[in-house]
Structures are given as C-alpha cells and as structure tokens.
Amino acid sequence: MAPSKRWNHTMCLIDPDTAVVIGGKTSEHKHCKDSLWKLEIEHNLWFPINSSTSGPAPPCVHGHSATFDPVSKALFVYGGFGEDKTYRDLHILNTETWTWKLVTAKGKVPTLAYHTATFYKKELYVFGGVHPSSHSGGKACTDSLSIFNPGDELWYKPIVEGDKPLPRFGHSSILLSDKLVVFGGRNTATYLNDLHILNLGFMEYTAVRCDNMAPLPRGFHVALAVPGNRMLVSGGCSSIGDLQDVHIFNMDTSTWSSVAAPPAVLYAPGRTRPAQPWLVPAEPAGGCRPPGHTAGVWWLGLFKNRVQ
C-alpha cells in the first residue's frame, strides 16, 4: 500500500520517524483522491490517514503549504488550488489526537497558492505566491508577507523594510536562526535565482550578493535548512527544462557549492522539514519527471554527499 503517483503535493516531517503527505495532482492533472498519507520512515510503511482522523480535513488541493510546529505538535495546511478556485482556508491537524480544525480567522485573510509558509516564534510567516486578480488572466503573483497568529487566530501584515524580493511563486523560504531565506521561483514567465534574507528581528530584507556563481534560475524546487548555517537546494523547473542538480549555500561565506545529484529528474515536489541533520529527504515521495510522475522516495546523506 502506497500513495498514488503525484506532483504538486506536500510532505512534512512531524517527528524523526513519521512524515505526512497531503494533496497533489495526477498525470491527468486531476486532484489525487487519496490525498492524505502517513509514512513510518524506519519501517518504510505507508498508511492512509483519511479514515483515521476526525474533524474537517482539507479538500483535495495542490499548490498549498504544509508546515509543522514542533512546539504545539500541529500541522498547518494553508491555501492552494482546488478544482476551480484558489483557497484561503487554513486547516490545523493535531498530530497527537489526529484531529483536524478549520480555522475561522480574523483579519485580512490572504488567498494564495504556490506560496511558502514558515513557522517562527509561534507564528506562521507566509510569503509570495499566486492570488486571484481581475487582471493578468485572472491570476497574479505577489511579494507580500502575511503572518498568522494561532493564539489569536488572526492574520496581519507586518511593516517590512529593505531591498524586497520581486513578486514570485514556486519559490522557497527556509528559516536559518532568526532569518527567513527566500530563493528562486517565478515572476510571471521569468525564472529567478536571486537570494533575499529577511531579518525577522528587524523585519528588514537584504539582497544577497553571492561571491561565486549561483545555481540556474528555477522554481518549484526543494530547499532545506541543513547543519552549518547552510541551505540545500535541489531540482526544480527552469527555462531549459527539468533540473536534477543539488546545491548548498553557505550563509557565513555567501558562496554556493554543488553536491551529487539525485538519480532522476524531479520537479514540483513537496517541501519537507528535516528532523535528523544526517537524513534529509531531498526529493520526498514523488514529483514529476518525463514522461510521467513518480511515487519514489530518495534521501541525501549530507555527510557523505550521496543519494540513497
């Protein structure tokens, strides 16, 4: 038993031995009906969790975000595309009781897909993404930052200064210490490889000038925080096609380096959070590769720089 082949899903670690897969699309561009799965990593066993949870679960979506808060043991699933709409719903899964809650939030609730969502000091930071628009063919991308406070169930927009990133979607945002690192994505038809850092203490952006050549512009890649104040970037889509490269950015030296590539081209994968620094899911549970989609799982051992 395993999830159906899919892409545009999310995968999130909820403890060192357990991951949850949510949503995604099939090769026929339909939403996966088996949308919720749990993986026991040590035993390599999959379990459908639709029937084992209670409460209002998320609809079948893609382009959403799934972010785990290790303090509250809660998984936050926000936004994404449904069959005919862009969602603004926020579902919270209590991973101790396996109970879903649909939040009735206050404030200005954003409506987004292909955004990023990152937890910092008990709040959810949502950056970028695609939103409905009366122009640009009905959709446009944004450079907006919105914050959700779970205690008050309130959305708000902070005041941010500095060199702000361009509007984008399909980018990555990872947390390193008290800094939110934004890389790549697409600005309408243009792929990006710029790097911006938001200091969450001062709420100020800085555009990073790298000391060597950055990876190819890309979107829908994976990015992870790894030991040594570094960020790992893997795969994605680019103007020249699908990518299978792996790069590491060192925050201390502002330099990029390359490591061994995954065994297959994959893009539009889910985003995950590593619980063990030596076992990082580089291309978690599926993705898209010519001529179709996959349901495979690969791990990159960072200390050995090889794919397993």
C-alpha atoms as a PDB file:
ATOM      1  CA  MET A   1       0.000   0.000   0.000  1.00  0.00           C
ATOM      2  CA  ALA A   2       1.368   3.404  -1.011  1.00  0.00           C
ATOM      3  CA  PRO A   3       0.203   6.808  -2.283  1.00  0.00           C
ATOM      4  CA  SER A   4      -0.715   7.086  -5.945  1.00  0.00           C
ATOM      5  CA  LYS A   5       1.805   8.798  -8.230  1.00  0.00           C
ATOM      6  CA  ARG A   6       1.535  12.558  -7.817  1.00  0.00           C
ATOM      7  CA  TRP A   7       3.104  16.006  -8.035  1.00  0.00           C
ATOM      8  CA  ASN A   8       2.388  19.436  -6.502  1.00  0.00           C
ATOM      9  CA  HIS A   9       1.828  17.763  -3.132  1.00  0.00           C
ATOM     10  CA  THR A  10       3.481  18.482   0.206  1.00  0.00           C
ATOM     11  CA  MET A  11       5.395  16.225   2.577  1.00  0.00           C
ATOM     12  CA  CYS A  12       6.158  17.236   6.148  1.00  0.00           C
ATOM     13  CA  LEU A  13       8.019  15.505   8.974  1.00  0.00           C
ATOM     14  CA  ILE A  14       6.040  15.513  12.223  1.00  0.00           C
ATOM     15  CA  ASP A  15       8.680  13.597  14.205  1.00  0.00           C
ATOM     16  CA  PRO A  16      12.013  11.935  13.354  1.00  0.00           C
ATOM     17  CA  ASP A  17      10.241   8.745  12.240  1.00  0.00           C
ATOM     18  CA  THR A  18       6.980   9.973  10.692  1.00  0.00           C
ATOM     19  CA  ALA A  19       6.067  12.063   7.654  1.00  0.00           C
ATOM     20  CA  VAL A  20       2.691  13.171   6.303  1.00  0.00           C
ATOM     21  CA  VAL A  21       1.839  13.605   2.604  1.00  0.00           C
ATOM     22  CA  ILE A  22      -1.014  15.927   1.636  1.00  0.00           C
ATOM     23  CA  GLY A  23      -2.722  16.558  -1.705  1.00  0.00           C
ATOM     24  CA  GLY A  24      -1.223  16.667  -5.171  1.00  0.00           C
ATOM     25  CA  LYS A  25      -2.219  16.098  -8.789  1.00  0.00           C
ATOM     26  CA  THR A  26      -2.151  13.087 -11.072  1.00  0.00           C
ATOM     27  CA  SER A  27      -0.558  12.831 -14.525  1.00  0.00           C
ATOM     28  CA  GLU A  28      -4.015  13.668 -15.946  1.00  0.00           C
ATOM     29  CA  HIS A  29      -3.918  16.956 -13.968  1.00  0.00           C
ATOM     30  CA  LYS A  30      -6.707  15.779 -11.682  1.00  0.00           C
ATOM     31  CA  HIS A  31      -6.547  16.002  -7.918  1.00  0.00           C
ATOM     32  CA  CYS A  32      -5.452  12.880  -6.065  1.00  0.00           C
ATOM     33  CA  LYS A  33      -8.396  11.363  -4.248  1.00  0.00           C
ATOM     34  CA  ASP A  34      -6.110   9.511  -1.822  1.00  0.00           C
ATOM     35  CA  SER A  35      -4.849  12.851  -0.588  1.00  0.00           C
ATOM     36  CA  LEU A  36      -3.706  12.096   2.987  1.00  0.00           C
ATOM     37  CA  TRP A  37      -0.973   9.583   3.880  1.00  0.00           C
ATOM     38  CA  LYS A  38       1.391   8.842   6.759  1.00  0.00           C
ATOM     39  CA  LEU A  39       4.859   7.317   6.252  1.00  0.00           C
ATOM     40  CA  GLU A  40       6.651   5.394   9.009  1.00  0.00           C
ATOM     41  CA  ILE A  41      10.196   6.064   7.863  1.00  0.00           C
ATOM     42  CA  GLU A  42      12.090   3.421   9.828  1.00  0.00           C
ATOM     43  CA  HIS A  43       9.855   0.602   8.563  1.00  0.00           C
ATOM     44  CA  ASN A  44       9.125   2.179   5.156  1.00  0.00           C
ATOM     45  CA  LEU A  45       5.394   1.652   5.621  1.00  0.00           C
ATOM     46  CA  TRP A  46       2.592   3.863   4.279  1.00  0.00           C
ATOM     47  CA  PHE A  47      -0.817   4.307   5.920  1.00  0.00           C
ATOM     48  CA  PRO A  48      -3.829   6.276   4.561  1.00  0.00           C
ATOM     49  CA  ILE A  49      -4.998   8.690   7.240  1.00  0.00           C
ATOM     50  CA  ASN A  50      -8.283   9.928   5.760  1.00  0.00           C
ATOM     51  CA  SER A  51     -10.258   7.427   7.836  1.00  0.00           C
ATOM     52  CA  SER A  52      -8.133   7.693  10.996  1.00  0.00           C
ATOM     53  CA  THR A  53      -8.615  11.441  11.526  1.00  0.00           C
ATOM     54  CA  SER A  54     -11.640  13.377  12.743  1.00  0.00           C
ATOM     55  CA  GLY A  55     -12.834  16.899  12.019  1.00  0.00           C
ATOM     56  CA  PRO A  56     -12.936  18.882   8.750  1.00  0.00           C
ATOM     57  CA  ALA A  57      -9.943  17.700   6.684  1.00  0.00           C
ATOM     58  CA  PRO A  58      -8.503  19.812   3.830  1.00  0.00           C
ATOM     59  CA  PRO A  59     -10.064  19.379   0.383  1.00  0.00           C
ATOM     60  CA  CYS A  60      -8.129  17.767  -2.460  1.00  0.00           C
ATOM     61  CA  VAL A  61      -5.693  20.565  -3.334  1.00  0.00           C
ATOM     62  CA  HIS A  62      -2.335  21.312  -4.941  1.00  0.00           C
ATOM     63  CA  GLY A  63      -0.001  24.291  -4.601  1.00  0.00           C
ATOM     64  CA  HIS A  64      -0.758  24.513  -0.872  1.00  0.00           C
ATOM     65  CA  SER A  65       1.670  24.625   2.050  1.00  0.00           C
ATOM     66  CA  ALA A  66       2.078  22.222   4.971  1.00  0.00           C
ATOM     67  CA  THR A  67       4.102  23.444   7.952  1.00  0.00           C
ATOM     68  CA  PHE A  68       4.705  21.623  11.231  1.00  0.00           C
ATOM     69  CA  ASP A  69       5.079  23.398  14.563  1.00  0.00           C
ATOM     70  CA  PRO A  70       7.147  21.139  16.854  1.00  0.00           C
ATOM     71  CA  VAL A  71       6.059  23.061  19.958  1.00  0.00           C
ATOM     72  CA  SER A  72       2.296  22.600  19.569  1.00  0.00           C
ATOM     73  CA  LYS A  73       2.653  19.343  17.556  1.00  0.00           C
ATOM     74  CA  ALA A  74       0.302  20.880  14.997  1.00  0.00           C
ATOM     75  CA  LEU A  75       0.440  20.686  11.197  1.00  0.00           C
ATOM     76  CA  PHE A  76      -0.801  23.823   9.404  1.00  0.00           C
ATOM     77  CA  VAL A  77      -2.193  23.277   5.881  1.00  0.00           C
ATOM     78  CA  TYR A  78      -2.952  26.524   4.072  1.00  0.00           C
ATOM     79  CA  GLY A  79      -4.180  27.714   0.672  1.00  0.00           C
ATOM     80  CA  GLY A  80      -3.648  26.062  -2.693  1.00  0.00           C
ATOM     81  CA  PHE A  81      -5.759  25.383  -5.759  1.00  0.00           C
ATOM     82  CA  GLY A  82      -8.922  23.286  -5.755  1.00  0.00           C
ATOM     83  CA  GLU A  83     -10.865  22.146  -8.787  1.00  0.00           C
ATOM     84  CA  ASP A  84     -11.974  25.636  -9.805  1.00  0.00           C
ATOM     85  CA  LYS A  85     -10.741  28.061  -7.162  1.00  0.00           C
ATOM     86  CA  THR A  86      -7.843  29.344  -5.081  1.00  0.00           C
ATOM     87  CA  TYR A  87      -8.289  28.576  -1.404  1.00  0.00           C
ATOM     88  CA  ARG A  88      -7.760  30.763   1.641  1.00  0.00           C
ATOM     89  CA  ASP A  89      -8.618  28.009   4.113  1.00  0.00           C
ATOM     90  CA  LEU A  90      -6.321  27.114   6.985  1.00  0.00           C
ATOM     91  CA  HIS A  91      -6.654  23.607   8.419  1.00  0.00           C
ATOM     92  CA  ILE A  92      -4.741  22.560  11.537  1.00  0.00           C
ATOM     93  CA  LEU A  93      -4.037  18.902  12.331  1.00  0.00           C
ATOM     94  CA  ASN A  94      -3.338  17.991  15.954  1.00  0.00           C
ATOM     95  CA  THR A  95      -0.843  15.165  15.412  1.00  0.00           C
ATOM     96  CA  GLU A  96      -1.324  13.819  18.952  1.00  0.00           C
ATOM     97  CA  THR A  97      -5.099  13.322  18.628  1.00  0.00           C
ATOM     98  CA  TRP A  98      -5.229  13.237  14.778  1.00  0.00           C
ATOM     99  CA  THR A  99      -8.000  15.832  14.823  1.00  0.00           C
ATOM    100  CA  TRP A 100      -8.485  18.468  12.114  1.00  0.00           C
ATOM    101  CA  LYS A 101      -9.696  22.004  12.764  1.00  0.00           C
ATOM    102  CA  LEU A 102     -10.824  24.506  10.122  1.00  0.00           C
ATOM    103  CA  VAL A 103      -9.819  27.940  11.411  1.00  0.00           C
ATOM    104  CA  THR A 104     -12.287  30.812  11.291  1.00  0.00           C
ATOM    105  CA  ALA A 105      -9.636  33.506  11.226  1.00  0.00           C
ATOM    106  CA  LYS A 106      -9.824  37.215  11.891  1.00  0.00           C
ATOM    107  CA  GLY A 107      -8.011  39.937   9.977  1.00  0.00           C
ATOM    108  CA  LYS A 108      -7.283  40.133   6.256  1.00  0.00           C
ATOM    109  CA  VAL A 109      -7.003  36.501   5.199  1.00  0.00           C
ATOM    110  CA  PRO A 110      -4.803  36.073   2.073  1.00  0.00           C
ATOM    111  CA  THR A 111      -5.908  33.837  -0.803  1.00  0.00           C
ATOM    112  CA  LEU A 112      -2.783  32.142  -2.155  1.00  0.00           C
ATOM    113  CA  ALA A 113      -1.228  29.163  -3.909  1.00  0.00           C
ATOM    114  CA  TYR A 114       2.411  28.299  -4.687  1.00  0.00           C
ATOM    115  CA  HIS A 115       3.464  30.377  -1.667  1.00  0.00           C
ATOM    116  CA  THR A 116       5.745  29.422   1.224  1.00  0.00           C
ATOM    117  CA  ALA A 117       4.821  29.109   4.899  1.00  0.00           C
ATOM    118  CA  THR A 118       7.402  29.036   7.693  1.00  0.00           C
ATOM    119  CA  PHE A 119       6.998  28.836  11.483  1.00  0.00           C
ATOM    120  CA  TYR A 120       8.915  31.274  13.671  1.00  0.00           C
ATOM    121  CA  LYS A 121       8.234  32.075  17.333  1.00  0.00           C
ATOM    122  CA  LYS A 122       4.737  30.561  17.378  1.00  0.00           C
ATOM    123  CA  GLU A 123       3.588  32.359  14.207  1.00  0.00           C
ATOM    124  CA  LEU A 124       3.203  31.292  10.571  1.00  0.00           C
ATOM    125  CA  TYR A 125       5.022  33.501   8.033  1.00  0.00           C
ATOM    126  CA  VAL A 126       3.510  33.266   4.528  1.00  0.00           C
ATOM    127  CA  PHE A 127       5.426  34.843   1.648  1.00  0.00           C
ATOM    128  CA  GLY A 128       4.716  35.286  -2.061  1.00  0.00           C
ATOM    129  CA  GLY A 129       2.511  33.069  -4.173  1.00  0.00           C
ATOM    130  CA  VAL A 130      -0.265  33.377  -6.727  1.00  0.00           C
ATOM    131  CA  HIS A 131      -3.516  35.145  -5.911  1.00  0.00           C
ATOM    132  CA  PRO A 132      -6.743  35.868  -7.822  1.00  0.00           C
ATOM    133  CA  SER A 133      -6.635  39.066  -9.880  1.00  0.00           C
ATOM    134  CA  SER A 134      -9.014  40.940 -12.136  1.00  0.00           C
ATOM    135  CA  HIS A 135      -6.021  41.469 -14.439  1.00  0.00           C
ATOM    136  CA  SER A 136      -3.225  39.239 -15.786  1.00  0.00           C
ATOM    137  CA  GLY A 137      -5.549  36.482 -16.917  1.00  0.00           C
ATOM    138  CA  GLY A 138      -7.244  36.158 -13.550  1.00  0.00           C
ATOM    139  CA  LYS A 139      -4.073  35.448 -11.525  1.00  0.00           C
ATOM    140  CA  ALA A 140      -1.027  37.439 -10.388  1.00  0.00           C
ATOM    141  CA  CYS A 141       1.946  36.820  -8.117  1.00  0.00           C
ATOM    142  CA  THR A 142       2.793  38.842  -5.036  1.00  0.00           C
ATOM    143  CA  ASP A 143       5.725  39.920  -2.861  1.00  0.00           C
ATOM    144  CA  SER A 144       3.510  40.248   0.192  1.00  0.00           C
ATOM    145  CA  LEU A 145       4.325  38.840   3.634  1.00  0.00           C
ATOM    146  CA  SER A 146       1.411  37.805   5.844  1.00  0.00           C
ATOM    147  CA  ILE A 147       1.614  36.413   9.373  1.00  0.00           C
ATOM    148  CA  PHE A 148      -0.875  34.143  11.148  1.00  0.00           C
ATOM    149  CA  ASN A 149      -1.010  34.143  14.942  1.00  0.00           C
ATOM    150  CA  PRO A 150      -2.546  30.821  16.089  1.00  0.00           C
ATOM    151  CA  GLY A 151      -3.228  32.036  19.625  1.00  0.00           C
ATOM    152  CA  ASP A 152      -5.468  34.872  18.441  1.00  0.00           C
ATOM    153  CA  GLU A 153      -6.426  33.146  15.148  1.00  0.00           C
ATOM    154  CA  LEU A 154      -5.503  36.440  13.477  1.00  0.00           C
ATOM    155  CA  TRP A 155      -3.875  37.282  10.118  1.00  0.00           C
ATOM    156  CA  TYR A 156      -1.898  40.520   9.853  1.00  0.00           C
ATOM    157  CA  LYS A 157       0.662  42.190   7.583  1.00  0.00           C
ATOM    158  CA  PRO A 158       3.880  43.429   9.214  1.00  0.00           C
ATOM    159  CA  ILE A 159       5.793  46.525   8.161  1.00  0.00           C
ATOM    160  CA  VAL A 160       8.926  45.404   6.314  1.00  0.00           C
ATOM    161  CA  GLU A 161      11.849  47.490   5.094  1.00  0.00           C
ATOM    162  CA  GLY A 162      14.923  46.983   2.938  1.00  0.00           C
ATOM    163  CA  ASP A 163      15.542  45.505  -0.516  1.00  0.00           C
ATOM    164  CA  LYS A 164      12.359  43.481  -1.018  1.00  0.00           C
ATOM    165  CA  PRO A 165      12.219  40.461  -3.354  1.00  0.00           C
ATOM    166  CA  LEU A 166      10.288  40.666  -6.601  1.00  0.00           C
ATOM    167  CA  PRO A 167       6.783  39.188  -6.620  1.00  0.00           C
ATOM    168  CA  ARG A 168       7.098  35.438  -7.178  1.00  0.00           C
ATOM    169  CA  PHE A 169       5.614  31.980  -6.848  1.00  0.00           C
ATOM    170  CA  GLY A 170       7.077  28.488  -6.775  1.00  0.00           C
ATOM    171  CA  HIS A 171       9.986  29.827  -4.708  1.00  0.00           C
ATOM    172  CA  SER A 172      11.425  28.522  -1.443  1.00  0.00           C
ATOM    173  CA  SER A 173      11.682  30.063   2.018  1.00  0.00           C
ATOM    174  CA  ILE A 174      13.646  28.438   4.830  1.00  0.00           C
ATOM    175  CA  LEU A 175      14.450  29.507   8.372  1.00  0.00           C
ATOM    176  CA  LEU A 176      18.074  29.821   9.489  1.00  0.00           C
ATOM    177  CA  SER A 177      18.279  31.118  13.052  1.00  0.00           C
ATOM    178  CA  ASP A 178      16.225  34.354  13.030  1.00  0.00           C
ATOM    179  CA  LYS A 179      16.440  34.830   9.261  1.00  0.00           C
ATOM    180  CA  LEU A 180      14.000  33.871   6.505  1.00  0.00           C
ATOM    181  CA  VAL A 181      15.936  32.956   3.340  1.00  0.00           C
ATOM    182  CA  VAL A 182      13.976  33.363   0.072  1.00  0.00           C
ATOM    183  CA  PHE A 183      15.384  31.791  -3.099  1.00  0.00           C
ATOM    184  CA  GLY A 184      14.276  31.498  -6.725  1.00  0.00           C
ATOM    185  CA  GLY A 185      10.760  30.977  -8.037  1.00  0.00           C
ATOM    186  CA  ARG A 186       8.990  32.557 -10.982  1.00  0.00           C
ATOM    187  CA  ASN A 187       7.928  36.119 -11.636  1.00  0.00           C
ATOM    188  CA  THR A 188       5.171  35.543 -14.224  1.00  0.00           C
ATOM    189  CA  ALA A 189       7.140  33.899 -17.091  1.00  0.00           C
ATOM    190  CA  THR A 190      10.660  34.537 -15.749  1.00  0.00           C
ATOM    191  CA  TYR A 191      12.567  32.074 -13.568  1.00  0.00           C
ATOM    192  CA  LEU A 192      14.656  33.595 -10.768  1.00  0.00           C
ATOM    193  CA  ASN A 193      17.835  32.650  -8.890  1.00  0.00           C
ATOM    194  CA  ASP A 194      18.144  35.649  -6.590  1.00  0.00           C
ATOM    195  CA  LEU A 195      18.539  35.298  -2.840  1.00  0.00           C
ATOM    196  CA  HIS A 196      16.990  37.557  -0.211  1.00  0.00           C
ATOM    197  CA  ILE A 197      17.233  37.363   3.563  1.00  0.00           C
ATOM    198  CA  LEU A 198      14.581  38.779   5.876  1.00  0.00           C
ATOM    199  CA  ASN A 199      15.905  39.544   9.358  1.00  0.00           C
ATOM    200  CA  LEU A 200      12.896  38.621  11.488  1.00  0.00           C
ATOM    201  CA  GLY A 201      14.133  40.671  14.427  1.00  0.00           C
ATOM    202  CA  PHE A 202      14.311  43.938  12.480  1.00  0.00           C
ATOM    203  CA  MET A 203      11.853  42.926   9.687  1.00  0.00           C
ATOM    204  CA  GLU A 204      14.330  44.128   7.071  1.00  0.00           C
ATOM    205  CA  TYR A 205      15.207  42.491   3.739  1.00  0.00           C
ATOM    206  CA  THR A 206      18.735  42.216   2.361  1.00  0.00           C
ATOM    207  CA  ALA A 207      19.545  41.167  -1.214  1.00  0.00           C
ATOM    208  CA  VAL A 208      22.478  38.724  -1.025  1.00  0.00           C
ATOM    209  CA  ARG A 209      25.409  39.272  -3.397  1.00  0.00           C
ATOM    210  CA  CYS A 210      26.984  35.839  -3.831  1.00  0.00           C
ATOM    211  CA  ASP A 211      30.768  35.502  -4.078  1.00  0.00           C
ATOM    212  CA  ASN A 212      30.526  32.862  -6.817  1.00  0.00           C
ATOM    213  CA  MET A 213      28.091  31.684  -9.486  1.00  0.00           C
ATOM    214  CA  ALA A 214      24.567  30.930  -8.272  1.00  0.00           C
ATOM    215  CA  PRO A 215      22.574  27.898  -9.470  1.00  0.00           C
ATOM    216  CA  LEU A 216      20.475  28.203 -12.616  1.00  0.00           C
ATOM    217  CA  PRO A 217      17.251  30.196 -12.205  1.00  0.00           C
ATOM    218  CA  ARG A 218      14.473  27.835 -11.132  1.00  0.00           C
ATOM    219  CA  GLY A 219      11.111  27.367  -9.499  1.00  0.00           C
ATOM    220  CA  PHE A 220       9.219  24.527  -7.799  1.00  0.00           C
ATOM    221  CA  HIS A 221      12.425  23.200  -6.276  1.00  0.00           C
ATOM    222  CA  VAL A 222      13.154  21.902  -2.774  1.00  0.00           C
ATOM    223  CA  ALA A 223      15.109  23.937  -0.215  1.00  0.00           C
ATOM    224  CA  LEU A 224      16.117  22.787   3.261  1.00  0.00           C
ATOM    225  CA  ALA A 225      17.992  24.208   6.226  1.00  0.00           C
ATOM    226  CA  VAL A 226      20.972  21.938   6.931  1.00  0.00           C
ATOM    227  CA  PRO A 227      23.707  21.960   9.615  1.00  0.00           C
ATOM    228  CA  GLY A 228      26.442  24.579   9.461  1.00  0.00           C
ATOM    229  CA  ASN A 229      24.182  27.576   8.726  1.00  0.00           C
ATOM    230  CA  ARG A 230      23.591  26.310   5.192  1.00  0.00           C
ATOM    231  CA  MET A 231      20.709  25.872   2.746  1.00  0.00           C
ATOM    232  CA  LEU A 232      20.341  22.913   0.386  1.00  0.00           C
ATOM    233  CA  VAL A 233      18.553  23.453  -2.957  1.00  0.00           C
ATOM    234  CA  SER A 234      17.526  20.514  -5.143  1.00  0.00           C
ATOM    235  CA  GLY A 235      15.885  20.147  -8.564  1.00  0.00           C
ATOM    236  CA  GLY A 236      13.064  22.262  -9.922  1.00  0.00           C
ATOM    237  CA  CYS A 237      11.942  23.635 -13.281  1.00  0.00           C
ATOM    238  CA  SER A 238      13.885  26.094 -15.427  1.00  0.00           C
ATOM    239  CA  SER A 239      13.695  27.758 -18.833  1.00  0.00           C
ATOM    240  CA  ILE A 240      15.880  24.951 -20.240  1.00  0.00           C
ATOM    241  CA  GLY A 241      13.799  22.144 -18.758  1.00  0.00           C
ATOM    242  CA  ASP A 242      13.780  19.992 -15.649  1.00  0.00           C
ATOM    243  CA  LEU A 243      16.727  20.086 -13.238  1.00  0.00           C
ATOM    244  CA  GLN A 244      18.348  17.307 -11.205  1.00  0.00           C
ATOM    245  CA  ASP A 245      21.185  19.236  -9.582  1.00  0.00           C
ATOM    246  CA  VAL A 246      21.842  19.777  -5.868  1.00  0.00           C
ATOM    247  CA  HIS A 247      23.471  22.907  -4.431  1.00  0.00           C
ATOM    248  CA  ILE A 248      24.347  24.155  -0.958  1.00  0.00           C
ATOM    249  CA  PHE A 249      24.500  27.835   0.007  1.00  0.00           C
ATOM    250  CA  ASN A 250      26.736  28.774   2.930  1.00  0.00           C
ATOM    251  CA  MET A 251      25.313  31.740   4.827  1.00  0.00           C
ATOM    252  CA  ASP A 252      28.609  32.511   6.556  1.00  0.00           C
ATOM    253  CA  THR A 253      30.644  32.828   3.337  1.00  0.00           C
ATOM    254  CA  SER A 254      27.848  33.799   0.861  1.00  0.00           C
ATOM    255  CA  THR A 255      29.025  31.053  -1.509  1.00  0.00           C
ATOM    256  CA  TRP A 256      27.386  28.196  -3.414  1.00  0.00           C
ATOM    257  CA  SER A 257      28.744  24.655  -3.824  1.00  0.00           C
ATOM    258  CA  SER A 258      27.462  21.581  -5.694  1.00  0.00           C
ATOM    259  CA  VAL A 259      26.944  18.023  -4.431  1.00  0.00           C
ATOM    260  CA  ALA A 260      25.973  14.724  -6.076  1.00  0.00           C
ATOM    261  CA  ALA A 261      22.681  14.809  -7.980  1.00  0.00           C
ATOM    262  CA  PRO A 262      19.565  12.664  -7.331  1.00  0.00           C
ATOM    263  CA  PRO A 263      19.111   9.581  -9.526  1.00  0.00           C
ATOM    264  CA  ALA A 264      16.283  11.053 -11.611  1.00  0.00           C
ATOM    265  CA  VAL A 265      14.921  14.402 -12.778  1.00  0.00           C
ATOM    266  CA  LEU A 266      12.139  15.528 -10.463  1.00  0.00           C
ATOM    267  CA  TYR A 267      10.296  18.805 -10.107  1.00  0.00           C
ATOM    268  CA  ALA A 268       7.311  20.369  -8.388  1.00  0.00           C
ATOM    269  CA  PRO A 269       7.933  18.234  -5.288  1.00  0.00           C
ATOM    270  CA  GLY A 270       6.584  18.761  -1.794  1.00  0.00           C
ATOM    271  CA  ARG A 271       8.519  20.691   0.794  1.00  0.00           C
ATOM    272  CA  THR A 272       9.709  18.990   3.929  1.00  0.00           C
ATOM    273  CA  ARG A 273      11.472  19.817   7.190  1.00  0.00           C
ATOM    274  CA  PRO A 274      14.380  17.548   8.228  1.00  0.00           C
ATOM    275  CA  ALA A 275      14.236  16.175  11.753  1.00  0.00           C
ATOM    276  CA  GLN A 276      17.640  14.444  11.517  1.00  0.00           C
ATOM    277  CA  PRO A 277      20.517  16.556  10.133  1.00  0.00           C
ATOM    278  CA  TRP A 278      22.148  13.481   8.605  1.00  0.00           C
ATOM    279  CA  LEU A 279      18.996  12.230   6.861  1.00  0.00           C
ATOM    280  CA  VAL A 280      17.498  14.872   4.600  1.00  0.00           C
ATOM    281  CA  PRO A 281      14.648  13.947   2.212  1.00  0.00           C
ATOM    282  CA  ALA A 282      15.990  15.515  -0.969  1.00  0.00           C
ATOM    283  CA  GLU A 283      13.099  14.545  -3.253  1.00  0.00           C
ATOM    284  CA  PRO A 284      10.274  13.459  -0.969  1.00  0.00           C
ATOM    285  CA  ALA A 285       7.636  10.955  -2.073  1.00  0.00           C
ATOM    286  CA  GLY A 286       7.022  11.680  -5.678  1.00  0.00           C
ATOM    287  CA  GLY A 287       7.204  14.568  -8.063  1.00  0.00           C
ATOM    288  CA  CYS A 288       7.222  14.884 -11.826  1.00  0.00           C
ATOM    289  CA  ARG A 289       9.740  13.525 -14.289  1.00  0.00           C
ATOM    290  CA  PRO A 290       9.432  12.833 -18.001  1.00  0.00           C
ATOM    291  CA  PRO A 291       7.415  11.066 -19.272  1.00  0.00           C
ATOM    292  CA  GLY A 292       5.210  10.865 -16.183  1.00  0.00           C
ATOM    293  CA  HIS A 293       5.107  11.037 -12.403  1.00  0.00           C
ATOM    294  CA  THR A 294       6.672   9.035  -9.614  1.00  0.00           C
ATOM    295  CA  ALA A 295       5.912   7.845  -6.112  1.00  0.00           C
ATOM    296  CA  GLY A 296       9.521   7.179  -5.115  1.00  0.00           C
ATOM    297  CA  VAL A 297      11.460   8.443  -2.111  1.00  0.00           C
ATOM    298  CA  TRP A 298      15.154   9.431  -2.057  1.00  0.00           C
ATOM    299  CA  TRP A 299      17.396  10.534   0.804  1.00  0.00           C
ATOM    300  CA  LEU A 300      20.557  12.566   0.572  1.00  0.00           C
ATOM    301  CA  GLY A 301      23.148  11.768   3.225  1.00  0.00           C
ATOM    302  CA  LEU A 302      24.806  15.164   3.681  1.00  0.00           C
ATOM    303  CA  PHE A 303      27.919  13.918   5.405  1.00  0.00           C
ATOM    304  CA  LYS A 304      28.584  11.502   2.527  1.00  0.00           C
ATOM    305  CA  ASN A 305      27.107  13.746  -0.183  1.00  0.00           C
ATOM    306  CA  ARG A 306      25.443  10.853  -1.941  1.00  0.00           C
ATOM    307  CA  VAL A 307      21.900   9.807  -2.747  1.00  0.00           C
ATOM    308  CA  GLN A 308      20.488   6.676  -1.136  1.00  0.00           C
END
